[in-house]
Amino acid sequence: MIWGLRANKFNLYKEPTDDEIVFYKELEEIQAMAAKAQGGNPQVSTSTSILPPPTPSHF
């Protein structure tokens, strides 16, 4: 019998814990406040977000 490779593929992705999510959101808020205090753009771009990527849905 031939087994599909996708089912046996090793994946390093790990769901972030609630504590990690809170930590990264607070860190982004601090970065936004620091940028605003320096006269920069207070909005943190989603392309530079430090939050972990979402769970891949194609598996």
PDB file of N, CA and C in Angstrom:
ATOM      1  N   MET A   1       0.839  -1.177   0.000  1.00  0.00           N
ATOM      2  CA  MET A   1       0.000   0.000   0.000  1.00  0.00           C
ATOM      3  C   MET A   1       0.888   1.245   0.000  1.00  0.00           C
ATOM      4  N   ILE A   2       0.539   2.250  -0.782  1.00  0.00           N
ATOM      5  CA  ILE A   2       1.303   3.496  -0.877  1.00  0.00           C
ATOM      6  C   ILE A   2       0.666   4.529   0.052  1.00  0.00           C
ATOM      7  N   TRP A   3       1.474   5.067   0.935  1.00  0.00           N
ATOM      8  CA  TRP A   3       0.982   6.082   1.866  1.00  0.00           C
ATOM      9  C   TRP A   3       1.229   7.470   1.285  1.00  0.00           C
ATOM     10  N   GLY A   4       0.277   8.367   1.464  1.00  0.00           N
ATOM     11  CA  GLY A   4       0.440   9.741   1.005  1.00  0.00           C
ATOM     12  C   GLY A   4       1.497  10.460   1.828  1.00  0.00           C
ATOM     13  N   LEU A   5       2.352  11.198   1.173  1.00  0.00           N
ATOM     14  CA  LEU A   5       3.425  11.913   1.867  1.00  0.00           C
ATOM     15  C   LEU A   5       2.900  13.053   2.725  1.00  0.00           C
ATOM     16  N   ARG A   6       1.822  13.674   2.310  1.00  0.00           N
ATOM     17  CA  ARG A   6       1.305  14.813   3.066  1.00  0.00           C
ATOM     18  C   ARG A   6       0.884  14.424   4.485  1.00  0.00           C
ATOM     19  N   ALA A   7       0.349  13.264   4.658  1.00  0.00           N
ATOM     20  CA  ALA A   7      -0.095  12.832   5.979  1.00  0.00           C
ATOM     21  C   ALA A   7       1.084  12.609   6.919  1.00  0.00           C
ATOM     22  N   ASN A   8       2.244  12.293   6.381  1.00  0.00           N
ATOM     23  CA  ASN A   8       3.410  12.001   7.210  1.00  0.00           C
ATOM     24  C   ASN A   8       4.406  13.149   7.264  1.00  0.00           C
ATOM     25  N   LYS A   9       4.075  14.281   6.663  1.00  0.00           N
ATOM     26  CA  LYS A   9       4.986  15.410   6.609  1.00  0.00           C
ATOM     27  C   LYS A   9       5.147  16.047   7.997  1.00  0.00           C
ATOM     28  N   PHE A  10       6.370  16.299   8.387  1.00  0.00           N
ATOM     29  CA  PHE A  10       6.651  16.949   9.663  1.00  0.00           C
ATOM     30  C   PHE A  10       6.397  18.442   9.526  1.00  0.00           C
ATOM     31  N   ASN A  11       5.724  19.026  10.500  1.00  0.00           N
ATOM     32  CA  ASN A  11       5.370  20.433  10.451  1.00  0.00           C
ATOM     33  C   ASN A  11       5.880  21.125  11.716  1.00  0.00           C
ATOM     34  N   LEU A  12       6.635  22.204  11.553  1.00  0.00           N
ATOM     35  CA  LEU A  12       7.162  22.947  12.693  1.00  0.00           C
ATOM     36  C   LEU A  12       6.200  24.004  13.220  1.00  0.00           C
ATOM     37  N   TYR A  13       5.075  24.220  12.544  1.00  0.00           N
ATOM     38  CA  TYR A  13       4.148  25.252  12.983  1.00  0.00           C
ATOM     39  C   TYR A  13       3.540  24.890  14.331  1.00  0.00           C
ATOM     40  N   LYS A  14       3.447  25.881  15.206  1.00  0.00           N
ATOM     41  CA  LYS A  14       2.859  25.697  16.525  1.00  0.00           C
ATOM     42  C   LYS A  14       1.843  26.812  16.745  1.00  0.00           C
ATOM     43  N   GLU A  15       0.648  26.465  17.179  1.00  0.00           N
ATOM     44  CA  GLU A  15      -0.354  27.477  17.497  1.00  0.00           C
ATOM     45  C   GLU A  15       0.184  28.358  18.618  1.00  0.00           C
ATOM     46  N   PRO A  16       0.053  29.685  18.487  1.00  0.00           N
ATOM     47  CA  PRO A  16       0.506  30.553  19.578  1.00  0.00           C
ATOM     48  C   PRO A  16      -0.403  30.392  20.796  1.00  0.00           C
ATOM     49  N   THR A  17       0.184  30.496  21.971  1.00  0.00           N
ATOM     50  CA  THR A  17      -0.608  30.431  23.194  1.00  0.00           C
ATOM     51  C   THR A  17      -1.309  31.759  23.402  1.00  0.00           C
ATOM     52  N   ASP A  18      -2.302  31.785  24.268  1.00  0.00           N
ATOM     53  CA  ASP A  18      -3.001  33.035  24.577  1.00  0.00           C
ATOM     54  C   ASP A  18      -2.029  34.063  25.142  1.00  0.00           C
ATOM     55  N   ASP A  19      -1.093  33.612  25.979  1.00  0.00           N
ATOM     56  CA  ASP A  19      -0.101  34.522  26.551  1.00  0.00           C
ATOM     57  C   ASP A  19       0.778  35.148  25.467  1.00  0.00           C
ATOM     58  N   GLU A  20       1.160  34.351  24.469  1.00  0.00           N
ATOM     59  CA  GLU A  20       1.979  34.882  23.375  1.00  0.00           C
ATOM     60  C   GLU A  20       1.205  35.911  22.563  1.00  0.00           C
ATOM     61  N   ILE A  21      -0.065  35.656  22.309  1.00  0.00           N
ATOM     62  CA  ILE A  21      -0.888  36.599  21.550  1.00  0.00           C
ATOM     63  C   ILE A  21      -1.003  37.914  22.297  1.00  0.00           C
ATOM     64  N   VAL A  22      -1.276  37.846  23.597  1.00  0.00           N
ATOM     65  CA  VAL A  22      -1.381  39.067  24.408  1.00  0.00           C
ATOM     66  C   VAL A  22      -0.051  39.812  24.399  1.00  0.00           C
ATOM     67  N   PHE A  23       1.053  39.088  24.566  1.00  0.00           N
ATOM     68  CA  PHE A  23       2.383  39.698  24.575  1.00  0.00           C
ATOM     69  C   PHE A  23       2.657  40.456  23.278  1.00  0.00           C
ATOM     70  N   TYR A  24       2.399  39.806  22.124  1.00  0.00           N
ATOM     71  CA  TYR A  24       2.687  40.439  20.843  1.00  0.00           C
ATOM     72  C   TYR A  24       1.774  41.636  20.584  1.00  0.00           C
ATOM     73  N   LYS A  25       0.513  41.567  21.003  1.00  0.00           N
ATOM     74  CA  LYS A  25      -0.397  42.711  20.834  1.00  0.00           C
ATOM     75  C   LYS A  25       0.069  43.891  21.680  1.00  0.00           C
ATOM     76  N   GLU A  26       0.470  43.613  22.928  1.00  0.00           N
ATOM     77  CA  GLU A  26       0.976  44.690  23.784  1.00  0.00           C
ATOM     78  C   GLU A  26       2.260  45.282  23.211  1.00  0.00           C
ATOM     79  N   LEU A  27       3.120  44.443  22.675  1.00  0.00           N
ATOM     80  CA  LEU A  27       4.361  44.918  22.072  1.00  0.00           C
ATOM     81  C   LEU A  27       4.070  45.821  20.872  1.00  0.00           C
ATOM     82  N   GLU A  28       3.093  45.449  20.047  1.00  0.00           N
ATOM     83  CA  GLU A  28       2.732  46.287  18.903  1.00  0.00           C
ATOM     84  C   GLU A  28       2.155  47.629  19.364  1.00  0.00           C
ATOM     85  N   GLU A  29       1.384  47.622  20.455  1.00  0.00           N
ATOM     86  CA  GLU A  29       0.847  48.875  20.988  1.00  0.00           C
ATOM     87  C   GLU A  29       1.973  49.776  21.479  1.00  0.00           C
ATOM     88  N   ILE A  30       2.956  49.185  22.141  1.00  0.00           N
ATOM     89  CA  ILE A  30       4.106  49.962  22.616  1.00  0.00           C
ATOM     90  C   ILE A  30       4.882  50.545  21.437  1.00  0.00           C
ATOM     91  N   GLN A  31       5.078  49.745  20.379  1.00  0.00           N
ATOM     92  CA  GLN A  31       5.774  50.239  19.190  1.00  0.00           C
ATOM     93  C   GLN A  31       4.998  51.381  18.543  1.00  0.00           C
ATOM     94  N   ALA A  32       3.669  51.282  18.510  1.00  0.00           N
ATOM     95  CA  ALA A  32       2.846  52.333  17.915  1.00  0.00           C
ATOM     96  C   ALA A  32       2.939  53.610  18.749  1.00  0.00           C
ATOM     97  N   MET A  33       2.919  53.471  20.081  1.00  0.00           N
ATOM     98  CA  MET A  33       3.041  54.653  20.946  1.00  0.00           C
ATOM     99  C   MET A  33       4.411  55.298  20.784  1.00  0.00           C
ATOM    100  N   ALA A  34       5.468  54.486  20.676  1.00  0.00           N
ATOM    101  CA  ALA A  34       6.817  55.023  20.503  1.00  0.00           C
ATOM    102  C   ALA A  34       6.934  55.753  19.169  1.00  0.00           C
ATOM    103  N   ALA A  35       6.343  55.193  18.110  1.00  0.00           N
ATOM    104  CA  ALA A  35       6.389  55.832  16.797  1.00  0.00           C
ATOM    105  C   ALA A  35       5.621  57.153  16.833  1.00  0.00           C
ATOM    106  N   LYS A  36       4.482  57.166  17.511  1.00  0.00           N
ATOM    107  CA  LYS A  36       3.679  58.392  17.615  1.00  0.00           C
ATOM    108  C   LYS A  36       4.445  59.458  18.414  1.00  0.00           C
ATOM    109  N   ALA A  37       5.129  59.043  19.482  1.00  0.00           N
ATOM    110  CA  ALA A  37       5.897  59.977  20.305  1.00  0.00           C
ATOM    111  C   ALA A  37       7.059  60.580  19.526  1.00  0.00           C
ATOM    112  N   GLN A  38       7.582  59.853  18.551  1.00  0.00           N
ATOM    113  CA  GLN A  38       8.691  60.338  17.740  1.00  0.00           C
ATOM    114  C   GLN A  38       8.203  61.066  16.497  1.00  0.00           C
ATOM    115  N   GLY A  39       6.883  61.229  16.385  1.00  0.00           N
ATOM    116  CA  GLY A  39       6.338  61.942  15.242  1.00  0.00           C
ATOM    117  C   GLY A  39       6.120  61.073  14.029  1.00  0.00           C
ATOM    118  N   GLY A  40       6.246  59.777  14.198  1.00  0.00           N
ATOM    119  CA  GLY A  40       6.050  58.848  13.084  1.00  0.00           C
ATOM    120  C   GLY A  40       4.599  58.430  12.966  1.00  0.00           C
ATOM    121  N   ASN A  41       4.355  57.478  12.110  1.00  0.00           N
ATOM    122  CA  ASN A  41       3.017  56.955  11.894  1.00  0.00           C
ATOM    123  C   ASN A  41       2.664  56.026  13.051  1.00  0.00           C
ATOM    124  N   PRO A  42       1.573  56.309  13.796  1.00  0.00           N
ATOM    125  CA  PRO A  42       1.227  55.468  14.941  1.00  0.00           C
ATOM    126  C   PRO A  42       0.649  54.110  14.551  1.00  0.00           C
ATOM    127  N   GLN A  43       0.290  53.938  13.295  1.00  0.00           N
ATOM    128  CA  GLN A  43      -0.275  52.667  12.846  1.00  0.00           C
ATOM    129  C   GLN A  43       0.853  51.701  12.509  1.00  0.00           C
ATOM    130  N   VAL A  44       0.773  50.503  13.042  1.00  0.00           N
ATOM    131  CA  VAL A  44       1.755  49.474  12.719  1.00  0.00           C
ATOM    132  C   VAL A  44       1.257  48.749  11.489  1.00  0.00           C
ATOM    133  N   SER A  45       2.063  48.706  10.470  1.00  0.00           N
ATOM    134  CA  SER A  45       1.691  48.036   9.230  1.00  0.00           C
ATOM    135  C   SER A  45       1.537  46.549   9.461  1.00  0.00           C
ATOM    136  N   THR A  46       0.526  45.946   8.825  1.00  0.00           N
ATOM    137  CA  THR A  46       0.348  44.502   8.966  1.00  0.00           C
ATOM    138  C   THR A  46       1.483  43.751   8.292  1.00  0.00           C
ATOM    139  N   SER A  47       2.157  44.379   7.341  1.00  0.00           N
ATOM    140  CA  SER A  47       3.266  43.690   6.682  1.00  0.00           C
ATOM    141  C   SER A  47       4.490  43.617   7.585  1.00  0.00           C
ATOM    142  N   THR A  48       4.548  44.481   8.616  1.00  0.00           N
ATOM    143  CA  THR A  48       5.670  44.432   9.549  1.00  0.00           C
ATOM    144  C   THR A  48       5.237  43.897  10.904  1.00  0.00           C
ATOM    145  N   SER A  49       4.069  43.321  10.970  1.00  0.00           N
ATOM    146  CA  SER A  49       3.553  42.782  12.218  1.00  0.00           C
ATOM    147  C   SER A  49       4.471  41.692  12.746  1.00  0.00           C
ATOM    148  N   ILE A  50       4.611  41.642  14.062  1.00  0.00           N
ATOM    149  CA  ILE A  50       5.451  40.616  14.654  1.00  0.00           C
ATOM    150  C   ILE A  50       4.624  39.438  15.154  1.00  0.00           C
ATOM    151  N   LEU A  51       3.310  39.485  14.935  1.00  0.00           N
ATOM    152  CA  LEU A  51       2.477  38.348  15.314  1.00  0.00           C
ATOM    153  C   LEU A  51       2.811  37.154  14.439  1.00  0.00           C
ATOM    154  N   PRO A  52       2.717  35.975  14.999  1.00  0.00           N
ATOM    155  CA  PRO A  52       2.983  34.791  14.180  1.00  0.00           C
ATOM    156  C   PRO A  52       1.966  34.674  13.051  1.00  0.00           C
ATOM    157  N   PRO A  53       2.326  34.022  11.961  1.00  0.00           N
ATOM    158  CA  PRO A  53       1.390  33.901  10.842  1.00  0.00           C
ATOM    159  C   PRO A  53       0.193  33.035  11.214  1.00  0.00           C
ATOM    160  N   PRO A  54      -0.946  33.216  10.537  1.00  0.00           N
ATOM    161  CA  PRO A  54      -2.107  32.384  10.833  1.00  0.00           C
ATOM    162  C   PRO A  54      -1.865  30.919  10.451  1.00  0.00           C
ATOM    163  N   THR A  55      -2.699  30.069  10.988  1.00  0.00           N
ATOM    164  CA  THR A  55      -2.592  28.644  10.697  1.00  0.00           C
ATOM    165  C   THR A  55      -2.854  28.392   9.222  1.00  0.00           C
ATOM    166  N   PRO A  56      -1.988  27.644   8.559  1.00  0.00           N
ATOM    167  CA  PRO A  56      -2.243  27.322   7.146  1.00  0.00           C
ATOM    168  C   PRO A  56      -3.527  26.503   7.023  1.00  0.00           C
ATOM    169  N   SER A  57      -4.388  26.852   6.082  1.00  0.00           N
ATOM    170  CA  SER A  57      -5.667  26.167   5.946  1.00  0.00           C
ATOM    171  C   SER A  57      -5.661  25.149   4.816  1.00  0.00           C
ATOM    172  N   HIS A  58      -4.584  25.044   4.068  1.00  0.00           N
ATOM    173  CA  HIS A  58      -4.548  24.149   2.919  1.00  0.00           C
ATOM    174  C   HIS A  58      -4.072  22.731   3.268  1.00  0.00           C
ATOM    175  N   PHE A  59      -3.876  22.427   4.535  1.00  0.00           N
ATOM    176  CA  PHE A  59      -3.409  21.085   4.907  1.00  0.00           C
ATOM    177  C   PHE A  59      -4.568  20.228   5.280  1.00  0.00           C
TER     178      PHE A  59
END
